[in-house]
């Protein structure tokens, strides 16, 4: 690796290390946390709303829609109240940041560009062979020979 990418990685790591993380725990307003029954009903409400959003995201995975984005939105809703969701989101953010740093590495970018070019060339050759052999007919319009 060249020194330019090392410096960028070091700066990103230092910025990440110096950024204070929020405390774990409930982010409910103080008057809700002060009353146990109200806080418990608040947590149930947050859980139900988060569950509805996560289920909608799971349904969107095979269907059109931003499934993963909605799932992470549901996790963010849960993270306003539950420590386990906060820890999951911290782990996810850390992994996404690490993956971003790997993708920005010049060697990885060069490899990805080469693989994409090779893949597109293969697809173009296969499409050319198809058009040469069958013409510009759609597959369901091809007559049996």
C-alpha atoms as a PDB file:
ATOM      1  CA  UNK A   1       0.000   0.000   0.000  1.00  0.00           C
ATOM      2  CA  UNK A   2       1.146   3.476  -0.629  1.00  0.00           C
ATOM      3  CA  UNK A   3       1.633   6.030   2.120  1.00  0.00           C
ATOM      4  CA  UNK A   4      -1.337   8.145   1.021  1.00  0.00           C
ATOM      5  CA  UNK A   5      -3.844   5.382   1.749  1.00  0.00           C
ATOM      6  CA  UNK A   6      -2.129   4.594   5.064  1.00  0.00           C
ATOM      7  CA  UNK A   7      -2.452   8.208   6.163  1.00  0.00           C
ATOM      8  CA  UNK A   8      -6.139   8.314   5.222  1.00  0.00           C
ATOM      9  CA  UNK A   9      -6.775   5.085   7.107  1.00  0.00           C
ATOM     10  CA  UNK A  10      -4.918   6.368  10.170  1.00  0.00           C
ATOM     11  CA  UNK A  11      -6.835   9.655  10.166  1.00  0.00           C
ATOM     12  CA  UNK A  12     -10.145   7.788   9.874  1.00  0.00           C
ATOM     13  CA  UNK A  13      -9.180   5.466  12.725  1.00  0.00           C
ATOM     14  CA  UNK A  14      -8.091   8.344  14.959  1.00  0.00           C
ATOM     15  CA  UNK A  15     -11.310  10.245  14.226  1.00  0.00           C
ATOM     16  CA  UNK A  16     -13.297   7.113  14.971  1.00  0.00           C
ATOM     17  CA  UNK A  17     -11.444   6.458  18.238  1.00  0.00           C
ATOM     18  CA  UNK A  18     -11.784  10.026  19.512  1.00  0.00           C
ATOM     19  CA  UNK A  19     -15.509  10.262  18.774  1.00  0.00           C
ATOM     20  CA  UNK A  20     -17.316   9.611  22.050  1.00  0.00           C
ATOM     21  CA  UNK A  21     -19.928   6.869  21.923  1.00  0.00           C
ATOM     22  CA  UNK A  22     -23.325   7.458  23.446  1.00  0.00           C
ATOM     23  CA  UNK A  23     -24.124   5.788  26.717  1.00  0.00           C
ATOM     24  CA  UNK A  24     -26.033   2.552  26.557  1.00  0.00           C
ATOM     25  CA  UNK A  25     -29.566   2.446  27.883  1.00  0.00           C
ATOM     26  CA  UNK A  26     -32.977   3.986  27.508  1.00  0.00           C
ATOM     27  CA  UNK A  27     -33.407   7.297  25.743  1.00  0.00           C
ATOM     28  CA  UNK A  28     -36.956   7.753  26.993  1.00  0.00           C
ATOM     29  CA  UNK A  29     -37.777  11.121  28.533  1.00  0.00           C
ATOM     30  CA  UNK A  30     -36.983  11.433  32.228  1.00  0.00           C
ATOM     31  CA  UNK A  31     -40.614  11.653  33.387  1.00  0.00           C
ATOM     32  CA  UNK A  32     -41.297   8.308  31.642  1.00  0.00           C
ATOM     33  CA  UNK A  33     -38.243   6.605  33.129  1.00  0.00           C
ATOM     34  CA  UNK A  34     -39.224   7.839  36.598  1.00  0.00           C
ATOM     35  CA  UNK A  35     -42.449   5.779  36.583  1.00  0.00           C
ATOM     36  CA  UNK A  36     -41.934   2.035  36.230  1.00  0.00           C
ATOM     37  CA  UNK A  37     -45.358   1.200  34.750  1.00  0.00           C
ATOM     38  CA  UNK A  38     -45.130   4.037  32.245  1.00  0.00           C
ATOM     39  CA  UNK A  39     -41.589   3.069  31.302  1.00  0.00           C
ATOM     40  CA  UNK A  40     -42.583  -0.575  30.809  1.00  0.00           C
ATOM     41  CA  UNK A  41     -45.493   0.421  28.569  1.00  0.00           C
ATOM     42  CA  UNK A  42     -43.132   2.762  26.678  1.00  0.00           C
ATOM     43  CA  UNK A  43     -40.726  -0.148  26.106  1.00  0.00           C
ATOM     44  CA  UNK A  44     -43.561  -2.400  24.907  1.00  0.00           C
ATOM     45  CA  UNK A  45     -44.667   0.318  22.476  1.00  0.00           C
ATOM     46  CA  UNK A  46     -41.133   0.835  21.173  1.00  0.00           C
ATOM     47  CA  UNK A  47     -40.719  -2.926  20.771  1.00  0.00           C
ATOM     48  CA  UNK A  48     -43.989  -3.309  18.857  1.00  0.00           C
ATOM     49  CA  UNK A  49     -43.261  -0.371  16.535  1.00  0.00           C
ATOM     50  CA  UNK A  50     -39.694  -1.610  15.926  1.00  0.00           C
ATOM     51  CA  UNK A  51     -40.976  -5.131  15.297  1.00  0.00           C
ATOM     52  CA  UNK A  52     -43.505  -3.849  12.755  1.00  0.00           C
ATOM     53  CA  UNK A  53     -40.780  -1.943  10.914  1.00  0.00           C
ATOM     54  CA  UNK A  54     -38.385  -4.927  10.944  1.00  0.00           C
ATOM     55  CA  UNK A  55     -41.123  -7.280   9.696  1.00  0.00           C
ATOM     56  CA  UNK A  56     -41.945  -4.806   6.905  1.00  0.00           C
ATOM     57  CA  UNK A  57     -38.243  -4.781   5.975  1.00  0.00           C
ATOM     58  CA  UNK A  58     -38.087  -8.579   5.928  1.00  0.00           C
ATOM     59  CA  UNK A  59     -41.146  -8.647   3.667  1.00  0.00           C
ATOM     60  CA  UNK A  60     -39.427  -6.121   1.378  1.00  0.00           C
ATOM     61  CA  UNK A  61     -36.323  -8.292   0.962  1.00  0.00           C
ATOM     62  CA  UNK A  62     -37.808 -10.467  -1.823  1.00  0.00           C
ATOM     63  CA  UNK A  63     -40.226  -7.738  -2.951  1.00  0.00           C
ATOM     64  CA  UNK A  64     -39.420  -4.325  -4.411  1.00  0.00           C
ATOM     65  CA  UNK A  65     -38.390  -1.916  -1.717  1.00  0.00           C
ATOM     66  CA  UNK A  66     -35.472  -0.937   0.485  1.00  0.00           C
ATOM     67  CA  UNK A  67     -35.609  -4.049   2.695  1.00  0.00           C
ATOM     68  CA  UNK A  68     -32.254  -3.784   4.469  1.00  0.00           C
ATOM     69  CA  UNK A  69     -32.648  -0.058   4.994  1.00  0.00           C
ATOM     70  CA  UNK A  70     -36.038  -0.594   6.641  1.00  0.00           C
ATOM     71  CA  UNK A  71     -34.649  -3.422   8.794  1.00  0.00           C
ATOM     72  CA  UNK A  72     -31.852  -1.160  10.042  1.00  0.00           C
ATOM     73  CA  UNK A  73     -34.467   1.546  10.650  1.00  0.00           C
ATOM     74  CA  UNK A  74     -36.362  -0.880  12.871  1.00  0.00           C
ATOM     75  CA  UNK A  75     -33.149  -1.718  14.691  1.00  0.00           C
ATOM     76  CA  UNK A  76     -32.568   2.013  15.218  1.00  0.00           C
ATOM     77  CA  UNK A  77     -36.048   2.296  16.727  1.00  0.00           C
ATOM     78  CA  UNK A  78     -35.249  -0.587  19.081  1.00  0.00           C
ATOM     79  CA  UNK A  79     -31.881   0.987  19.891  1.00  0.00           C
ATOM     80  CA  UNK A  80     -33.644   3.995  21.412  1.00  0.00           C
ATOM     81  CA  UNK A  81     -34.719   1.740  24.254  1.00  0.00           C
ATOM     82  CA  UNK A  82     -32.835  -1.580  24.326  1.00  0.00           C
ATOM     83  CA  UNK A  83     -29.142  -2.106  25.034  1.00  0.00           C
ATOM     84  CA  UNK A  84     -28.904  -5.268  22.891  1.00  0.00           C
ATOM     85  CA  UNK A  85     -30.090  -3.309  19.837  1.00  0.00           C
ATOM     86  CA  UNK A  86     -27.615  -0.522  20.583  1.00  0.00           C
ATOM     87  CA  UNK A  87     -24.800  -3.070  20.687  1.00  0.00           C
ATOM     88  CA  UNK A  88     -25.963  -4.644  17.411  1.00  0.00           C
ATOM     89  CA  UNK A  89     -26.048  -1.227  15.731  1.00  0.00           C
ATOM     90  CA  UNK A  90     -22.577  -0.342  17.042  1.00  0.00           C
ATOM     91  CA  UNK A  91     -21.216  -3.641  15.707  1.00  0.00           C
ATOM     92  CA  UNK A  92     -22.945  -3.046  12.344  1.00  0.00           C
ATOM     93  CA  UNK A  93     -21.592   0.499  12.070  1.00  0.00           C
ATOM     94  CA  UNK A  94     -18.090  -0.734  12.886  1.00  0.00           C
ATOM     95  CA  UNK A  95     -18.286  -3.471  10.222  1.00  0.00           C
ATOM     96  CA  UNK A  96     -19.647  -1.067   7.600  1.00  0.00           C
ATOM     97  CA  UNK A  97     -16.842   1.391   8.364  1.00  0.00           C
ATOM     98  CA  UNK A  98     -14.237  -1.378   8.057  1.00  0.00           C
ATOM     99  CA  UNK A  99     -15.744  -2.548   4.756  1.00  0.00           C
ATOM    100  CA  UNK A 100     -15.745   1.031   3.467  1.00  0.00           C
ATOM    101  CA  UNK A 101     -12.076   1.396   4.319  1.00  0.00           C
ATOM    102  CA  UNK A 102     -11.283  -1.877   2.524  1.00  0.00           C
ATOM    103  CA  UNK A 103     -13.218  -0.806  -0.571  1.00  0.00           C
ATOM    104  CA  UNK A 104     -11.392   2.509  -0.701  1.00  0.00           C
ATOM    105  CA  UNK A 105      -8.031   0.703  -0.738  1.00  0.00           C
ATOM    106  CA  UNK A 106      -6.494   1.295  -4.203  1.00  0.00           C
ATOM    107  CA  UNK A 107      -5.543  -2.380  -4.667  1.00  0.00           C
ATOM    108  CA  UNK A 108      -9.086  -3.538  -3.920  1.00  0.00           C
ATOM    109  CA  UNK A 109     -10.597  -0.871  -6.174  1.00  0.00           C
ATOM    110  CA  UNK A 110      -8.272  -1.900  -9.005  1.00  0.00           C
ATOM    111  CA  UNK A 111      -9.218  -5.568  -8.524  1.00  0.00           C
ATOM    112  CA  UNK A 112     -12.932  -4.737  -8.485  1.00  0.00           C
ATOM    113  CA  UNK A 113     -12.646  -2.687 -11.668  1.00  0.00           C
ATOM    114  CA  UNK A 114     -10.783  -5.521 -13.407  1.00  0.00           C
ATOM    115  CA  UNK A 115     -13.333  -8.133 -12.282  1.00  0.00           C
ATOM    116  CA  UNK A 116     -16.232  -5.922 -13.389  1.00  0.00           C
ATOM    117  CA  UNK A 117     -14.617  -5.341 -16.781  1.00  0.00           C
ATOM    118  CA  UNK A 118     -14.009  -9.070 -17.284  1.00  0.00           C
ATOM    119  CA  UNK A 119     -17.583  -9.897 -16.235  1.00  0.00           C
ATOM    120  CA  UNK A 120     -19.086  -7.290 -18.565  1.00  0.00           C
ATOM    121  CA  UNK A 121     -16.902  -8.540 -21.430  1.00  0.00           C
ATOM    122  CA  UNK A 122     -18.132 -12.108 -20.889  1.00  0.00           C
ATOM    123  CA  UNK A 123     -21.769 -10.946 -20.817  1.00  0.00           C
ATOM    124  CA  UNK A 124     -21.248  -8.871 -23.990  1.00  0.00           C
ATOM    125  CA  UNK A 125     -19.672 -11.848 -25.817  1.00  0.00           C
ATOM    126  CA  UNK A 126     -22.523 -14.154 -24.756  1.00  0.00           C
ATOM    127  CA  UNK A 127     -25.109 -11.571 -25.870  1.00  0.00           C
ATOM    128  CA  UNK A 128     -23.277 -11.193 -29.194  1.00  0.00           C
ATOM    129  CA  UNK A 129     -23.275 -14.969 -29.751  1.00  0.00           C
ATOM    130  CA  UNK A 130     -26.980 -15.105 -28.938  1.00  0.00           C
ATOM    131  CA  UNK A 131     -27.831 -12.303 -31.382  1.00  0.00           C
ATOM    132  CA  UNK A 132     -25.600 -13.847 -34.074  1.00  0.00           C
ATOM    133  CA  UNK A 133     -27.218 -17.267 -33.677  1.00  0.00           C
ATOM    134  CA  UNK A 134     -30.879 -16.321 -33.144  1.00  0.00           C
ATOM    135  CA  UNK A 135     -31.144 -12.772 -34.384  1.00  0.00           C
ATOM    136  CA  UNK A 136     -32.968 -10.104 -32.442  1.00  0.00           C
ATOM    137  CA  UNK A 137     -35.854 -12.381 -31.467  1.00  0.00           C
ATOM    138  CA  UNK A 138     -37.017 -12.696 -27.915  1.00  0.00           C
ATOM    139  CA  UNK A 139     -36.547 -16.194 -26.412  1.00  0.00           C
ATOM    140  CA  UNK A 140     -40.304 -16.912 -26.324  1.00  0.00           C
ATOM    141  CA  UNK A 141     -40.618 -16.044 -30.017  1.00  0.00           C
ATOM    142  CA  UNK A 142     -37.954 -18.522 -31.184  1.00  0.00           C
ATOM    143  CA  UNK A 143     -39.411 -21.276 -33.378  1.00  0.00           C
ATOM    144  CA  UNK A 144     -38.375 -24.882 -32.777  1.00  0.00           C
ATOM    145  CA  UNK A 145     -36.075 -26.202 -35.481  1.00  0.00           C
END
